[in-house]
């Protein structure tokens, strides 16, 4: 949750996130895994999936943006109740 929140919601860089979380290594591998898991989760919802399968499939970028904004607000409350 924290890795996704810091990368996708706040926009921190890998080194900043490593420092924030007290890790020595870059966390980009875990970030990429999280992004792929999110895409797989959203795949059945073709209208919201950022990369739908098939040429005739189109996603609604506004719907995906709304989804990620809502997700970020929820994560902010669970990760940082006092604010970031």
N, C-alpha and C. Protein backbone atom coordinates (compact mmCIF):
# COMPACT_ATOMS: atom_id res chain seq x y z
N UNK A 1 0.82 -1.19 0.00
CA UNK A 1 0.00 0.00 0.00
C UNK A 1 0.86 1.26 0.00
N UNK A 2 1.86 1.24 0.86
CA UNK A 2 2.70 2.43 0.98
C UNK A 2 3.47 2.72 -0.31
N UNK A 3 4.01 1.68 -0.90
CA UNK A 3 4.79 1.88 -2.13
C UNK A 3 3.91 2.48 -3.21
N UNK A 4 2.73 1.91 -3.42
CA UNK A 4 1.80 2.44 -4.42
C UNK A 4 1.43 3.88 -4.08
N UNK A 5 1.10 4.14 -2.84
CA UNK A 5 0.69 5.48 -2.42
C UNK A 5 1.79 6.50 -2.69
N UNK A 6 3.00 6.19 -2.26
CA UNK A 6 4.09 7.14 -2.42
C UNK A 6 4.44 7.39 -3.89
N UNK A 7 4.43 6.32 -4.69
CA UNK A 7 4.75 6.49 -6.13
C UNK A 7 3.61 7.14 -6.88
N UNK A 8 2.43 6.56 -6.79
CA UNK A 8 1.32 6.95 -7.66
C UNK A 8 0.50 8.12 -7.15
N UNK A 9 0.36 8.25 -5.86
CA UNK A 9 -0.50 9.30 -5.32
C UNK A 9 0.26 10.58 -4.99
N UNK A 10 1.44 10.41 -4.42
CA UNK A 10 2.23 11.58 -4.03
C UNK A 10 3.23 11.96 -5.10
N UNK A 11 3.70 10.96 -5.85
CA UNK A 11 4.65 11.24 -6.93
C UNK A 11 6.09 11.30 -6.48
N UNK A 12 6.41 10.63 -5.37
CA UNK A 12 7.79 10.61 -4.91
C UNK A 12 8.65 9.74 -5.83
N UNK A 13 9.92 9.98 -5.82
CA UNK A 13 10.90 9.18 -6.58
C UNK A 13 11.34 8.00 -5.72
N UNK A 14 11.95 7.01 -6.37
CA UNK A 14 12.37 5.80 -5.68
C UNK A 14 13.26 6.03 -4.48
N UNK A 15 14.25 6.91 -4.63
CA UNK A 15 15.17 7.16 -3.52
C UNK A 15 14.46 7.83 -2.34
N UNK A 16 13.51 8.70 -2.65
CA UNK A 16 12.74 9.36 -1.59
C UNK A 16 11.87 8.35 -0.84
N UNK A 17 11.29 7.42 -1.59
CA UNK A 17 10.44 6.40 -0.97
C UNK A 17 11.27 5.47 -0.12
N UNK A 18 12.43 5.08 -0.63
CA UNK A 18 13.32 4.21 0.15
C UNK A 18 13.68 4.88 1.47
N UNK A 19 14.00 6.14 1.41
CA UNK A 19 14.35 6.89 2.62
C UNK A 19 13.14 6.98 3.55
N UNK A 20 11.98 7.28 2.99
CA UNK A 20 10.74 7.43 3.77
C UNK A 20 10.39 6.13 4.50
N UNK A 21 10.62 4.99 3.83
CA UNK A 21 10.26 3.70 4.39
C UNK A 21 11.42 3.03 5.13
N UNK A 22 12.59 3.68 5.15
CA UNK A 22 13.73 3.12 5.84
C UNK A 22 14.34 1.91 5.14
N UNK A 23 14.20 1.88 3.82
CA UNK A 23 14.76 0.77 3.02
C UNK A 23 16.03 1.26 2.33
N UNK A 24 16.95 0.34 2.09
CA UNK A 24 18.19 0.70 1.42
C UNK A 24 18.10 0.57 -0.09
N UNK A 25 17.25 -0.33 -0.57
CA UNK A 25 17.16 -0.60 -2.01
C UNK A 25 16.05 0.21 -2.67
N UNK A 26 16.19 0.39 -3.96
CA UNK A 26 15.13 1.01 -4.75
C UNK A 26 13.92 0.09 -4.75
N UNK A 27 12.75 0.64 -4.84
CA UNK A 27 11.53 -0.14 -4.75
C UNK A 27 10.78 -0.21 -6.08
N UNK A 28 11.48 0.09 -7.18
CA UNK A 28 10.81 0.13 -8.48
C UNK A 28 10.29 -1.23 -8.92
N UNK A 29 10.98 -2.31 -8.55
CA UNK A 29 10.50 -3.66 -8.90
C UNK A 29 9.14 -3.92 -8.25
N UNK A 30 9.03 -3.59 -6.97
CA UNK A 30 7.76 -3.79 -6.28
C UNK A 30 6.69 -2.86 -6.84
N UNK A 31 7.06 -1.64 -7.20
CA UNK A 31 6.12 -0.71 -7.80
C UNK A 31 5.57 -1.28 -9.10
N UNK A 32 6.44 -1.82 -9.95
CA UNK A 32 6.00 -2.39 -11.22
C UNK A 32 5.09 -3.59 -11.01
N UNK A 33 5.39 -4.42 -10.00
CA UNK A 33 4.54 -5.55 -9.67
C UNK A 33 3.15 -5.07 -9.25
N UNK A 34 3.11 -4.02 -8.45
CA UNK A 34 1.82 -3.47 -8.00
C UNK A 34 1.02 -2.92 -9.17
N UNK A 35 1.69 -2.21 -10.07
CA UNK A 35 1.01 -1.67 -11.24
C UNK A 35 0.42 -2.79 -12.09
N UNK A 36 1.18 -3.86 -12.29
CA UNK A 36 0.68 -4.99 -13.07
C UNK A 36 -0.50 -5.68 -12.40
N UNK A 37 -0.44 -5.82 -11.08
CA UNK A 37 -1.55 -6.43 -10.35
C UNK A 37 -2.80 -5.57 -10.46
N UNK A 38 -2.65 -4.27 -10.42
CA UNK A 38 -3.79 -3.38 -10.56
C UNK A 38 -4.40 -3.50 -11.96
N UNK A 39 -3.56 -3.56 -12.98
CA UNK A 39 -4.05 -3.73 -14.35
C UNK A 39 -4.81 -5.04 -14.49
N UNK A 40 -4.27 -6.13 -13.90
CA UNK A 40 -4.95 -7.42 -13.96
C UNK A 40 -6.30 -7.36 -13.24
N UNK A 41 -6.34 -6.68 -12.12
CA UNK A 41 -7.57 -6.54 -11.36
C UNK A 41 -8.63 -5.79 -12.16
N UNK A 42 -8.21 -4.76 -12.88
CA UNK A 42 -9.14 -3.91 -13.62
C UNK A 42 -9.47 -4.46 -15.00
N UNK A 43 -8.75 -5.46 -15.46
CA UNK A 43 -8.94 -5.99 -16.81
C UNK A 43 -10.38 -6.37 -17.12
N UNK A 44 -11.12 -7.04 -16.23
CA UNK A 44 -12.52 -7.37 -16.55
C UNK A 44 -13.40 -6.12 -16.72
N UNK A 45 -12.98 -5.02 -16.15
CA UNK A 45 -13.72 -3.76 -16.28
C UNK A 45 -13.08 -2.95 -17.41
N UNK A 46 -13.36 -3.36 -18.63
CA UNK A 46 -12.65 -2.79 -19.79
C UNK A 46 -12.78 -1.28 -19.91
N UNK A 47 -13.86 -0.73 -19.46
CA UNK A 47 -14.07 0.72 -19.58
C UNK A 47 -13.17 1.51 -18.63
N UNK A 48 -12.67 0.85 -17.57
CA UNK A 48 -11.82 1.56 -16.62
C UNK A 48 -10.37 1.10 -16.68
N UNK A 49 -10.13 -0.07 -17.24
CA UNK A 49 -8.77 -0.62 -17.30
C UNK A 49 -7.87 0.31 -18.13
N UNK A 50 -6.69 0.64 -17.60
CA UNK A 50 -5.81 1.56 -18.33
C UNK A 50 -5.29 1.00 -19.65
N UNK A 51 -5.25 -0.32 -19.78
CA UNK A 51 -4.77 -0.96 -21.01
C UNK A 51 -5.68 -2.14 -21.36
N UNK A 52 -6.87 -1.88 -21.89
CA UNK A 52 -7.77 -2.99 -22.22
C UNK A 52 -7.21 -3.86 -23.34
N UNK A 53 -7.62 -5.11 -23.34
CA UNK A 53 -7.15 -6.07 -24.33
C UNK A 53 -8.03 -5.99 -25.57
N UNK A 54 -7.42 -6.02 -26.74
CA UNK A 54 -8.17 -6.00 -27.99
C UNK A 54 -8.16 -4.65 -28.66
N UNK A 55 -8.18 -4.67 -29.98
CA UNK A 55 -8.12 -3.43 -30.75
C UNK A 55 -9.37 -2.58 -30.59
N UNK A 56 -10.53 -3.23 -30.49
CA UNK A 56 -11.79 -2.49 -30.42
C UNK A 56 -12.14 -2.06 -29.00
N UNK A 57 -11.30 -2.39 -28.04
CA UNK A 57 -11.56 -2.03 -26.65
C UNK A 57 -10.95 -0.67 -26.35
N UNK A 58 -11.72 0.16 -25.70
CA UNK A 58 -11.23 1.48 -25.32
C UNK A 58 -11.50 1.70 -23.85
N UNK A 59 -10.57 2.35 -23.19
CA UNK A 59 -10.79 2.69 -21.79
C UNK A 59 -11.22 4.14 -21.70
N UNK A 60 -11.85 4.45 -20.61
CA UNK A 60 -12.27 5.82 -20.33
C UNK A 60 -11.25 6.41 -19.38
N UNK A 61 -10.39 7.28 -19.87
CA UNK A 61 -9.31 7.81 -19.04
C UNK A 61 -9.87 8.60 -17.85
N UNK A 62 -11.04 9.23 -18.01
CA UNK A 62 -11.66 9.94 -16.89
C UNK A 62 -12.09 8.96 -15.80
N UNK A 63 -12.60 7.81 -16.21
CA UNK A 63 -13.02 6.79 -15.24
C UNK A 63 -11.80 6.24 -14.50
N UNK A 64 -10.72 5.99 -15.22
CA UNK A 64 -9.51 5.49 -14.56
C UNK A 64 -8.94 6.54 -13.62
N UNK A 65 -8.93 7.79 -14.04
CA UNK A 65 -8.42 8.87 -13.19
C UNK A 65 -9.28 9.00 -11.93
N UNK A 66 -10.61 8.92 -12.09
CA UNK A 66 -11.50 8.97 -10.94
C UNK A 66 -11.21 7.81 -9.98
N UNK A 67 -11.03 6.61 -10.55
CA UNK A 67 -10.72 5.43 -9.74
C UNK A 67 -9.43 5.63 -8.94
N UNK A 68 -8.38 6.08 -9.61
CA UNK A 68 -7.09 6.24 -8.92
C UNK A 68 -7.14 7.36 -7.89
N UNK A 69 -7.87 8.43 -8.18
CA UNK A 69 -8.01 9.51 -7.19
C UNK A 69 -8.73 9.01 -5.95
N UNK A 70 -9.78 8.24 -6.15
CA UNK A 70 -10.52 7.67 -5.02
C UNK A 70 -9.63 6.70 -4.24
N UNK A 71 -8.89 5.86 -4.95
CA UNK A 71 -7.98 4.92 -4.32
C UNK A 71 -6.92 5.68 -3.49
N UNK A 72 -6.38 6.74 -4.05
CA UNK A 72 -5.37 7.52 -3.33
C UNK A 72 -5.94 8.14 -2.06
N UNK A 73 -7.17 8.63 -2.12
CA UNK A 73 -7.80 9.20 -0.92
C UNK A 73 -7.98 8.14 0.16
N UNK A 74 -8.40 6.95 -0.24
CA UNK A 74 -8.57 5.86 0.72
C UNK A 74 -7.22 5.45 1.31
N UNK A 75 -6.21 5.34 0.48
CA UNK A 75 -4.89 4.97 0.97
C UNK A 75 -4.32 6.03 1.90
N UNK A 76 -4.55 7.28 1.59
CA UNK A 76 -4.05 8.36 2.43
C UNK A 76 -4.62 8.25 3.84
N UNK A 77 -5.88 7.88 3.95
CA UNK A 77 -6.51 7.76 5.27
C UNK A 77 -5.94 6.57 6.05
N UNK A 78 -5.59 5.50 5.37
CA UNK A 78 -5.08 4.32 6.07
C UNK A 78 -3.58 4.39 6.32
N UNK A 79 -2.86 5.05 5.44
CA UNK A 79 -1.40 5.10 5.57
C UNK A 79 -0.95 6.27 6.42
N UNK A 80 -1.59 7.39 6.22
CA UNK A 80 -1.15 8.61 6.90
C UNK A 80 -2.36 9.36 7.44
N UNK A 81 -2.94 8.91 8.55
CA UNK A 81 -4.13 9.56 9.08
C UNK A 81 -3.91 11.04 9.42
N UNK A 82 -2.70 11.42 9.73
CA UNK A 82 -2.43 12.81 10.09
C UNK A 82 -2.02 13.65 8.88
N UNK A 83 -2.01 13.05 7.68
CA UNK A 83 -1.57 13.77 6.48
C UNK A 83 -0.14 13.44 6.15
N UNK A 84 0.24 13.73 4.92
CA UNK A 84 1.58 13.40 4.45
C UNK A 84 2.44 14.64 4.43
